[in-house]
Amino acid sequence: MNNIEKLYLAIAAVLIIVAVPLMIDGHILGDATIGLARVLLITGICFVGASRKTLGSLQKTQ
């Protein structure tokens, strides 16, 4: 796993860690944060999916 892939996973972890409290505490911080939390969570999941570690088994078969 090279540095870019590690960076993708690190960014994904940060985005997901930030999104979860915003989603859970939406009633405390206001309902306006729920939309932002959704975007951050989806982006974090996309970064996880884009890493070669996740797609490694698919790339070996091709």
PDB file of N, CA and C in Angstrom:
ATOM      1  N   MET A   1       0.849  -1.174   0.000  1.00  0.00           N
ATOM      2  CA  MET A   1       0.000   0.000   0.000  1.00  0.00           C
ATOM      3  C   MET A   1       0.891   1.233   0.000  1.00  0.00           C
ATOM      4  N   ASN A   2       0.724   2.079  -1.000  1.00  0.00           N
ATOM      5  CA  ASN A   2       1.576   3.255  -1.090  1.00  0.00           C
ATOM      6  C   ASN A   2       1.003   4.426  -0.283  1.00  0.00           C
ATOM      7  N   ASN A   3       1.680   5.540  -0.341  1.00  0.00           N
ATOM      8  CA  ASN A   3       1.319   6.691   0.490  1.00  0.00           C
ATOM      9  C   ASN A   3      -0.036   7.283   0.120  1.00  0.00           C
ATOM     10  N   ILE A   4      -0.366   7.268  -1.161  1.00  0.00           N
ATOM     11  CA  ILE A   4      -1.655   7.822  -1.584  1.00  0.00           C
ATOM     12  C   ILE A   4      -2.804   7.003  -1.008  1.00  0.00           C
ATOM     13  N   GLU A   5      -2.657   5.693  -1.025  1.00  0.00           N
ATOM     14  CA  GLU A   5      -3.704   4.836  -0.479  1.00  0.00           C
ATOM     15  C   GLU A   5      -3.842   5.020   1.026  1.00  0.00           C
ATOM     16  N   LYS A   6      -2.728   5.192   1.702  1.00  0.00           N
ATOM     17  CA  LYS A   6      -2.778   5.461   3.140  1.00  0.00           C
ATOM     18  C   LYS A   6      -3.449   6.796   3.410  1.00  0.00           C
ATOM     19  N   LEU A   7      -3.177   7.773   2.558  1.00  0.00           N
ATOM     20  CA  LEU A   7      -3.801   9.082   2.688  1.00  0.00           C
ATOM     21  C   LEU A   7      -5.311   8.982   2.475  1.00  0.00           C
ATOM     22  N   TYR A   8      -5.743   8.207   1.477  1.00  0.00           N
ATOM     23  CA  TYR A   8      -7.171   7.998   1.244  1.00  0.00           C
ATOM     24  C   TYR A   8      -7.848   7.409   2.474  1.00  0.00           C
ATOM     25  N   LEU A   9      -7.227   6.395   3.051  1.00  0.00           N
ATOM     26  CA  LEU A   9      -7.827   5.773   4.232  1.00  0.00           C
ATOM     27  C   LEU A   9      -7.838   6.724   5.426  1.00  0.00           C
ATOM     28  N   ALA A  10      -6.799   7.529   5.570  1.00  0.00           N
ATOM     29  CA  ALA A  10      -6.756   8.501   6.667  1.00  0.00           C
ATOM     30  C   ALA A  10      -7.831   9.571   6.496  1.00  0.00           C
ATOM     31  N   ILE A  11      -7.984  10.067   5.277  1.00  0.00           N
ATOM     32  CA  ILE A  11      -9.028  11.067   5.003  1.00  0.00           C
ATOM     33  C   ILE A  11     -10.401  10.468   5.262  1.00  0.00           C
ATOM     34  N   ALA A  12     -10.597   9.232   4.828  1.00  0.00           N
ATOM     35  CA  ALA A  12     -11.882   8.570   5.040  1.00  0.00           C
ATOM     36  C   ALA A  12     -12.184   8.429   6.527  1.00  0.00           C
ATOM     37  N   ALA A  13     -11.193   8.028   7.294  1.00  0.00           N
ATOM     38  CA  ALA A  13     -11.400   7.864   8.730  1.00  0.00           C
ATOM     39  C   ALA A  13     -11.766   9.187   9.387  1.00  0.00           C
ATOM     40  N   VAL A  14     -11.083  10.247   9.009  1.00  0.00           N
ATOM     41  CA  VAL A  14     -11.370  11.566   9.593  1.00  0.00           C
ATOM     42  C   VAL A  14     -12.775  12.021   9.223  1.00  0.00           C
ATOM     43  N   LEU A  15     -13.149  11.855   7.957  1.00  0.00           N
ATOM     44  CA  LEU A  15     -14.476  12.279   7.522  1.00  0.00           C
ATOM     45  C   LEU A  15     -15.577  11.507   8.247  1.00  0.00           C
ATOM     46  N   ILE A  16     -15.384  10.217   8.390  1.00  0.00           N
ATOM     47  CA  ILE A  16     -16.402   9.408   9.061  1.00  0.00           C
ATOM     48  C   ILE A  16     -16.464   9.735  10.551  1.00  0.00           C
ATOM     49  N   ILE A  17     -15.303   9.949  11.167  1.00  0.00           N
ATOM     50  CA  ILE A  17     -15.282  10.291  12.597  1.00  0.00           C
ATOM     51  C   ILE A  17     -15.939  11.646  12.849  1.00  0.00           C
ATOM     52  N   VAL A  18     -15.820  12.579  11.924  1.00  0.00           N
ATOM     53  CA  VAL A  18     -16.463  13.887  12.075  1.00  0.00           C
ATOM     54  C   VAL A  18     -17.961  13.789  11.786  1.00  0.00           C
ATOM     55  N   ALA A  19     -18.337  12.965  10.809  1.00  0.00           N
ATOM     56  CA  ALA A  19     -19.734  12.889  10.390  1.00  0.00           C
ATOM     57  C   ALA A  19     -20.630  12.217  11.421  1.00  0.00           C
ATOM     58  N   VAL A  20     -20.116  11.202  12.084  1.00  0.00           N
ATOM     59  CA  VAL A  20     -20.963  10.444  13.013  1.00  0.00           C
ATOM     60  C   VAL A  20     -21.468  11.309  14.180  1.00  0.00           C
ATOM     61  N   PRO A  21     -20.616  12.071  14.872  1.00  0.00           N
ATOM     62  CA  PRO A  21     -21.164  12.915  15.949  1.00  0.00           C
ATOM     63  C   PRO A  21     -22.121  13.994  15.440  1.00  0.00           C
ATOM     64  N   LEU A  22     -21.850  14.515  14.237  1.00  0.00           N
ATOM     65  CA  LEU A  22     -22.774  15.504  13.676  1.00  0.00           C
ATOM     66  C   LEU A  22     -24.135  14.882  13.407  1.00  0.00           C
ATOM     67  N   MET A  23     -24.136  13.646  12.967  1.00  0.00           N
ATOM     68  CA  MET A  23     -25.394  12.963  12.684  1.00  0.00           C
ATOM     69  C   MET A  23     -26.128  12.614  13.981  1.00  0.00           C
ATOM     70  N   ILE A  24     -25.394  12.135  14.973  1.00  0.00           N
ATOM     71  CA  ILE A  24     -26.022  11.733  16.235  1.00  0.00           C
ATOM     72  C   ILE A  24     -26.517  12.945  17.008  1.00  0.00           C
ATOM     73  N   ASP A  25     -25.687  13.983  17.092  1.00  0.00           N
ATOM     74  CA  ASP A  25     -26.048  15.162  17.877  1.00  0.00           C
ATOM     75  C   ASP A  25     -26.709  16.237  17.023  1.00  0.00           C
ATOM     76  N   GLY A  26     -27.395  15.829  16.004  1.00  0.00           N
ATOM     77  CA  GLY A  26     -28.071  16.792  15.137  1.00  0.00           C
ATOM     78  C   GLY A  26     -29.101  17.616  15.865  1.00  0.00           C
ATOM     79  N   HIS A  27     -29.751  17.033  16.845  1.00  0.00           N
ATOM     80  CA  HIS A  27     -30.751  17.789  17.588  1.00  0.00           C
ATOM     81  C   HIS A  27     -30.103  18.808  18.521  1.00  0.00           C
ATOM     82  N   ILE A  28     -28.864  18.567  18.933  1.00  0.00           N
ATOM     83  CA  ILE A  28     -28.168  19.516  19.804  1.00  0.00           C
ATOM     84  C   ILE A  28     -27.563  20.651  18.976  1.00  0.00           C
ATOM     85  N   LEU A  29     -26.893  20.285  17.882  1.00  0.00           N
ATOM     86  CA  LEU A  29     -26.219  21.286  17.062  1.00  0.00           C
ATOM     87  C   LEU A  29     -27.144  21.932  16.039  1.00  0.00           C
ATOM     88  N   GLY A  30     -28.315  21.393  15.874  1.00  0.00           N
ATOM     89  CA  GLY A  30     -29.273  21.932  14.924  1.00  0.00           C
ATOM     90  C   GLY A  30     -29.451  20.989  13.749  1.00  0.00           C
ATOM     91  N   ASP A  31     -30.606  21.055  13.142  1.00  0.00           N
ATOM     92  CA  ASP A  31     -30.908  20.161  12.030  1.00  0.00           C
ATOM     93  C   ASP A  31     -30.118  20.498  10.776  1.00  0.00           C
ATOM     94  N   ALA A  32     -29.513  21.666  10.713  1.00  0.00           N
ATOM     95  CA  ALA A  32     -28.741  22.049   9.531  1.00  0.00           C
ATOM     96  C   ALA A  32     -27.472  21.219   9.387  1.00  0.00           C
ATOM     97  N   THR A  33     -26.999  20.607  10.456  1.00  0.00           N
ATOM     98  CA  THR A  33     -25.771  19.828  10.388  1.00  0.00           C
ATOM     99  C   THR A  33     -25.991  18.421   9.839  1.00  0.00           C
ATOM    100  N   ILE A  34     -27.226  17.968   9.782  1.00  0.00           N
ATOM    101  CA  ILE A  34     -27.490  16.603   9.318  1.00  0.00           C
ATOM    102  C   ILE A  34     -27.152  16.472   7.835  1.00  0.00           C
ATOM    103  N   GLY A  35     -27.469  17.465   7.041  1.00  0.00           N
ATOM    104  CA  GLY A  35     -27.130  17.424   5.614  1.00  0.00           C
ATOM    105  C   GLY A  35     -25.629  17.387   5.392  1.00  0.00           C
ATOM    106  N   LEU A  36     -24.909  18.195   6.130  1.00  0.00           N
ATOM    107  CA  LEU A  36     -23.449  18.191   6.051  1.00  0.00           C
ATOM    108  C   LEU A  36     -22.887  16.848   6.488  1.00  0.00           C
ATOM    109  N   ALA A  37     -23.456  16.278   7.535  1.00  0.00           N
ATOM    110  CA  ALA A  37     -22.996  14.972   8.016  1.00  0.00           C
ATOM    111  C   ALA A  37     -23.211  13.892   6.972  1.00  0.00           C
ATOM    112  N   ARG A  38     -24.313  13.947   6.257  1.00  0.00           N
ATOM    113  CA  ARG A  38     -24.563  12.968   5.190  1.00  0.00           C
ATOM    114  C   ARG A  38     -23.519  13.066   4.094  1.00  0.00           C
ATOM    115  N   VAL A  39     -23.221  14.294   3.692  1.00  0.00           N
ATOM    116  CA  VAL A  39     -22.226  14.490   2.632  1.00  0.00           C
ATOM    117  C   VAL A  39     -20.854  13.989   3.088  1.00  0.00           C
ATOM    118  N   LEU A  40     -20.456  14.307   4.308  1.00  0.00           N
ATOM    119  CA  LEU A  40     -19.169  13.855   4.823  1.00  0.00           C
ATOM    120  C   LEU A  40     -19.108  12.335   4.917  1.00  0.00           C
ATOM    121  N   LEU A  41     -20.192  11.717   5.357  1.00  0.00           N
ATOM    122  CA  LEU A  41     -20.225  10.270   5.497  1.00  0.00           C
ATOM    123  C   LEU A  41     -20.141   9.583   4.139  1.00  0.00           C
ATOM    124  N   ILE A  42     -20.878  10.059   3.170  1.00  0.00           N
ATOM    125  CA  ILE A  42     -20.836   9.471   1.830  1.00  0.00           C
ATOM    126  C   ILE A  42     -19.468   9.659   1.202  1.00  0.00           C
ATOM    127  N   THR A  43     -18.871  10.833   1.389  1.00  0.00           N
ATOM    128  CA  THR A  43     -17.532  11.083   0.856  1.00  0.00           C
ATOM    129  C   THR A  43     -16.509  10.166   1.516  1.00  0.00           C
ATOM    130  N   GLY A  44     -16.614   9.979   2.819  1.00  0.00           N
ATOM    131  CA  GLY A  44     -15.704   9.076   3.531  1.00  0.00           C
ATOM    132  C   GLY A  44     -15.829   7.646   3.042  1.00  0.00           C
ATOM    133  N   ILE A  45     -17.050   7.206   2.814  1.00  0.00           N
ATOM    134  CA  ILE A  45     -17.258   5.858   2.306  1.00  0.00           C
ATOM    135  C   ILE A  45     -16.682   5.714   0.904  1.00  0.00           C
ATOM    136  N   CYS A  46     -16.803   6.742   0.090  1.00  0.00           N
ATOM    137  CA  CYS A  46     -16.222   6.709  -1.260  1.00  0.00           C
ATOM    138  C   CYS A  46     -14.696   6.637  -1.202  1.00  0.00           C
ATOM    139  N   PHE A  47     -14.090   7.344  -0.276  1.00  0.00           N
ATOM    140  CA  PHE A  47     -12.635   7.267  -0.129  1.00  0.00           C
ATOM    141  C   PHE A  47     -12.196   5.872   0.292  1.00  0.00           C
ATOM    142  N   VAL A  48     -12.961   5.233   1.157  1.00  0.00           N
ATOM    143  CA  VAL A  48     -12.636   3.864   1.554  1.00  0.00           C
ATOM    144  C   VAL A  48     -12.746   2.946   0.342  1.00  0.00           C
ATOM    145  N   GLY A  49     -13.774   3.124  -0.446  1.00  0.00           N
ATOM    146  CA  GLY A  49     -13.955   2.299  -1.626  1.00  0.00           C
ATOM    147  C   GLY A  49     -12.915   2.537  -2.700  1.00  0.00           C
ATOM    148  N   ALA A  50     -12.338   3.735  -2.720  1.00  0.00           N
ATOM    149  CA  ALA A  50     -11.355   4.068  -3.750  1.00  0.00           C
ATOM    150  C   ALA A  50      -9.957   3.564  -3.413  1.00  0.00           C
ATOM    151  N   SER A  51      -9.753   3.142  -2.195  1.00  0.00           N
ATOM    152  CA  SER A  51      -8.418   2.675  -1.827  1.00  0.00           C
ATOM    153  C   SER A  51      -8.143   1.309  -2.442  1.00  0.00           C
ATOM    154  N   ARG A  52      -6.928   1.067  -2.806  1.00  0.00           N
ATOM    155  CA  ARG A  52      -6.552  -0.186  -3.451  1.00  0.00           C
ATOM    156  C   ARG A  52      -6.650  -1.360  -2.487  1.00  0.00           C
ATOM    157  N   LYS A  53      -6.500  -1.093  -1.203  1.00  0.00           N
ATOM    158  CA  LYS A  53      -6.599  -2.167  -0.224  1.00  0.00           C
ATOM    159  C   LYS A  53      -7.988  -2.790  -0.279  1.00  0.00           C
ATOM    160  N   THR A  54      -9.001  -1.962  -0.434  1.00  0.00           N
ATOM    161  CA  THR A  54     -10.356  -2.466  -0.526  1.00  0.00           C
ATOM    162  C   THR A  54     -10.582  -3.168  -1.848  1.00  0.00           C
ATOM    163  N   LEU A  55     -10.051  -2.615  -2.942  1.00  0.00           N
ATOM    164  CA  LEU A  55     -10.248  -3.168  -4.268  1.00  0.00           C
ATOM    165  C   LEU A  55      -9.185  -4.169  -4.666  1.00  0.00           C
ATOM    166  N   GLY A  56      -8.293  -4.505  -3.762  1.00  0.00           N
ATOM    167  CA  GLY A  56      -7.175  -5.391  -4.083  1.00  0.00           C
ATOM    168  C   GLY A  56      -7.616  -6.739  -4.625  1.00  0.00           C
ATOM    169  N   SER A  57      -8.641  -7.328  -4.037  1.00  0.00           N
ATOM    170  CA  SER A  57      -9.070  -8.640  -4.501  1.00  0.00           C
ATOM    171  C   SER A  57      -9.697  -8.549  -5.879  1.00  0.00           C
ATOM    172  N   LEU A  58     -10.325  -7.441  -6.208  1.00  0.00           N
ATOM    173  CA  LEU A  58     -10.900  -7.284  -7.547  1.00  0.00           C
ATOM    174  C   LEU A  58      -9.820  -7.084  -8.596  1.00  0.00           C
ATOM    175  N   GLN A  59      -8.741  -6.391  -8.251  1.00  0.00           N
ATOM    176  CA  GLN A  59      -7.686  -6.121  -9.213  1.00  0.00           C
ATOM    177  C   GLN A  59      -6.845  -7.370  -9.501  1.00  0.00           C
ATOM    178  N   LYS A  60      -6.760  -8.281  -8.556  1.00  0.00           N
ATOM    179  CA  LYS A  60      -5.982  -9.498  -8.768  1.00  0.00           C
ATOM    180  C   LYS A  60      -6.648 -10.422  -9.800  1.00  0.00           C
ATOM    181  N   THR A  61      -7.975 -10.390  -9.867  1.00  0.00           N
ATOM    182  CA  THR A  61      -8.674 -11.277 -10.787  1.00  0.00           C
ATOM    183  C   THR A  61      -8.641 -10.776 -12.213  1.00  0.00           C
ATOM    184  N   GLN A  62      -8.375  -9.506 -12.411  1.00  0.00           N
ATOM    185  CA  GLN A  62      -8.408  -8.937 -13.761  1.00  0.00           C
ATOM    186  C   GLN A  62      -7.065  -9.014 -14.439  1.00  0.00           C
TER     187      GLN A  62
END
